[in-house]
Amino acid sequence: MVNPQQLEDLAARLARVIPPGLKGLRTELEDNFRGVLRANLDRLELVSRERFDVQAELLGRTQTRLANLEKRLKALEKQLAGRDHADPEQGSGA
């Protein structure tokens, strides 16, 4: 989520660039800027940097775990394939 102080600062900066002839509307325009910024930022469904970092770390751990599981699966498949080749020899003696 966006820091409320950053939003206030941005609205104030936008209001400061208003041409001299419209200075009387500055407060009203600043309020309008603030409202438009809040509405559009809320619609974007932004997340905080902290939340993003937590999710990125979780994703990294999940990818590592998946890679390890894939290696284990391949090793088990090789082991199973080796047993399948040995079974016909044992089965013919029965």
C-alpha atoms as a PDB file:
ATOM      1  CA  MET A   1       0.000   0.000   0.000  1.00  0.00           C
ATOM      2  CA  VAL A   2       1.150   3.535  -0.695  1.00  0.00           C
ATOM      3  CA  ASN A   3       2.417   5.588   2.230  1.00  0.00           C
ATOM      4  CA  PRO A   4      -0.231   8.263   2.983  1.00  0.00           C
ATOM      5  CA  GLN A   5       2.499  10.875   3.450  1.00  0.00           C
ATOM      6  CA  GLN A   6       3.856  10.154  -0.040  1.00  0.00           C
ATOM      7  CA  LEU A   7       0.361  10.611  -1.427  1.00  0.00           C
ATOM      8  CA  GLU A   8       0.036  13.960   0.363  1.00  0.00           C
ATOM      9  CA  ASP A   9       3.444  15.059  -0.942  1.00  0.00           C
ATOM     10  CA  LEU A  10       2.552  14.118  -4.506  1.00  0.00           C
ATOM     11  CA  ALA A  11      -0.771  15.982  -4.345  1.00  0.00           C
ATOM     12  CA  ALA A  12       1.043  19.055  -2.954  1.00  0.00           C
ATOM     13  CA  ARG A  13       3.671  18.918  -5.721  1.00  0.00           C
ATOM     14  CA  LEU A  14       0.950  18.716  -8.352  1.00  0.00           C
ATOM     15  CA  ALA A  15      -0.789  21.706  -6.797  1.00  0.00           C
ATOM     16  CA  ARG A  16       2.465  23.722  -6.820  1.00  0.00           C
ATOM     17  CA  VAL A  17       2.760  23.481 -10.601  1.00  0.00           C
ATOM     18  CA  ILE A  18      -0.574  25.196 -11.137  1.00  0.00           C
ATOM     19  CA  PRO A  19      -0.211  28.364 -13.248  1.00  0.00           C
ATOM     20  CA  PRO A  20      -0.236  31.660 -11.306  1.00  0.00           C
ATOM     21  CA  GLY A  21      -3.664  32.632 -12.612  1.00  0.00           C
ATOM     22  CA  LEU A  22      -5.243  29.564 -10.959  1.00  0.00           C
ATOM     23  CA  LYS A  23      -3.627  29.903  -7.525  1.00  0.00           C
ATOM     24  CA  GLY A  24      -7.046  30.601  -5.995  1.00  0.00           C
ATOM     25  CA  LEU A  25      -8.121  27.089  -6.962  1.00  0.00           C
ATOM     26  CA  ARG A  26      -4.987  25.506  -5.495  1.00  0.00           C
ATOM     27  CA  THR A  27      -6.626  24.007  -2.374  1.00  0.00           C
ATOM     28  CA  GLU A  28      -9.558  22.642  -4.325  1.00  0.00           C
ATOM     29  CA  LEU A  29      -7.313  21.177  -7.017  1.00  0.00           C
ATOM     30  CA  GLU A  30      -4.990  19.660  -4.397  1.00  0.00           C
ATOM     31  CA  ASP A  31      -7.989  17.924  -2.791  1.00  0.00           C
ATOM     32  CA  ASN A  32      -9.091  16.706  -6.216  1.00  0.00           C
ATOM     33  CA  PHE A  33      -5.569  15.446  -7.002  1.00  0.00           C
ATOM     34  CA  ARG A  34      -5.505  13.604  -3.684  1.00  0.00           C
ATOM     35  CA  GLY A  35      -8.892  11.973  -4.353  1.00  0.00           C
ATOM     36  CA  VAL A  36      -7.994  10.927  -7.884  1.00  0.00           C
ATOM     37  CA  LEU A  37      -4.640   9.526  -6.759  1.00  0.00           C
ATOM     38  CA  ARG A  38      -6.214   7.516  -3.929  1.00  0.00           C
ATOM     39  CA  ALA A  39      -8.972   6.125  -6.142  1.00  0.00           C
ATOM     40  CA  ASN A  40      -6.600   5.051  -8.892  1.00  0.00           C
ATOM     41  CA  LEU A  41      -3.967   3.626  -6.565  1.00  0.00           C
ATOM     42  CA  ASP A  42      -6.617   1.626  -4.696  1.00  0.00           C
ATOM     43  CA  ARG A  43      -7.888   0.266  -7.997  1.00  0.00           C
ATOM     44  CA  LEU A  44      -4.390  -0.942  -8.879  1.00  0.00           C
ATOM     45  CA  GLU A  45      -4.374  -3.196  -5.794  1.00  0.00           C
ATOM     46  CA  LEU A  46      -0.786  -2.376  -4.945  1.00  0.00           C
ATOM     47  CA  VAL A  47       1.041  -4.220  -2.181  1.00  0.00           C
ATOM     48  CA  SER A  48       3.686  -2.961   0.183  1.00  0.00           C
ATOM     49  CA  ARG A  49       7.352  -3.598  -0.514  1.00  0.00           C
ATOM     50  CA  GLU A  50       7.515  -5.683   2.667  1.00  0.00           C
ATOM     51  CA  ARG A  51       4.668  -7.920   1.497  1.00  0.00           C
ATOM     52  CA  PHE A  52       6.270  -8.234  -1.944  1.00  0.00           C
ATOM     53  CA  ASP A  53       9.622  -9.218  -0.404  1.00  0.00           C
ATOM     54  CA  VAL A  54       7.963 -11.855   1.789  1.00  0.00           C
ATOM     55  CA  GLN A  55       6.190 -13.352  -1.224  1.00  0.00           C
ATOM     56  CA  ALA A  56       9.387 -13.275  -3.317  1.00  0.00           C
ATOM     57  CA  GLU A  57      11.279 -15.128  -0.562  1.00  0.00           C
ATOM     58  CA  LEU A  58       8.489 -17.686  -0.283  1.00  0.00           C
ATOM     59  CA  LEU A  59       8.538 -18.205  -4.038  1.00  0.00           C
ATOM     60  CA  GLY A  60      12.310 -18.723  -3.976  1.00  0.00           C
ATOM     61  CA  ARG A  61      12.035 -21.371  -1.263  1.00  0.00           C
ATOM     62  CA  THR A  62       9.204 -23.068  -3.146  1.00  0.00           C
ATOM     63  CA  GLN A  63      11.232 -23.158  -6.364  1.00  0.00           C
ATOM     64  CA  THR A  64      14.189 -24.683  -4.512  1.00  0.00           C
ATOM     65  CA  ARG A  65      11.974 -27.288  -2.914  1.00  0.00           C
ATOM     66  CA  LEU A  66      10.364 -28.114  -6.261  1.00  0.00           C
ATOM     67  CA  ALA A  67      13.783 -28.568  -7.886  1.00  0.00           C
ATOM     68  CA  ASN A  68      14.838 -30.927  -5.077  1.00  0.00           C
ATOM     69  CA  LEU A  69      11.617 -32.930  -5.397  1.00  0.00           C
ATOM     70  CA  GLU A  70      12.113 -33.203  -9.168  1.00  0.00           C
ATOM     71  CA  LYS A  71      15.615 -34.592  -8.586  1.00  0.00           C
ATOM     72  CA  ARG A  72      14.276 -37.122  -6.085  1.00  0.00           C
ATOM     73  CA  LEU A  73      11.535 -38.157  -8.507  1.00  0.00           C
ATOM     74  CA  LYS A  74      14.037 -38.737 -11.316  1.00  0.00           C
ATOM     75  CA  ALA A  75      16.213 -40.823  -8.990  1.00  0.00           C
ATOM     76  CA  LEU A  76      13.208 -42.908  -7.929  1.00  0.00           C
ATOM     77  CA  GLU A  77      12.147 -43.363 -11.555  1.00  0.00           C
ATOM     78  CA  LYS A  78      15.646 -44.624 -12.428  1.00  0.00           C
ATOM     79  CA  GLN A  79      15.583 -46.959  -9.450  1.00  0.00           C
ATOM     80  CA  LEU A  80      12.159 -48.272 -10.460  1.00  0.00           C
ATOM     81  CA  ALA A  81      13.275 -48.717 -14.077  1.00  0.00           C
ATOM     82  CA  GLY A  82      16.247 -50.751 -12.842  1.00  0.00           C
ATOM     83  CA  ARG A  83      13.946 -53.032 -10.856  1.00  0.00           C
ATOM     84  CA  ASP A  84      11.654 -53.504 -13.847  1.00  0.00           C
ATOM     85  CA  HIS A  85      14.562 -54.824 -15.895  1.00  0.00           C
ATOM     86  CA  ALA A  86      15.570 -57.226 -13.109  1.00  0.00           C
ATOM     87  CA  ASP A  87      12.032 -58.597 -12.494  1.00  0.00           C
ATOM     88  CA  PRO A  88      11.635 -60.529 -15.786  1.00  0.00           C
ATOM     89  CA  GLU A  89      14.742 -62.571 -14.969  1.00  0.00           C
ATOM     90  CA  GLN A  90      13.414 -63.497 -11.534  1.00  0.00           C
ATOM     91  CA  GLY A  91       9.922 -64.132 -12.857  1.00  0.00           C
ATOM     92  CA  SER A  92      11.106 -66.693 -15.492  1.00  0.00           C
ATOM     93  CA  GLY A  93      12.396 -69.072 -12.809  1.00  0.00           C
ATOM     94  CA  ALA A  94       8.963 -69.374 -11.166  1.00  0.00           C
END
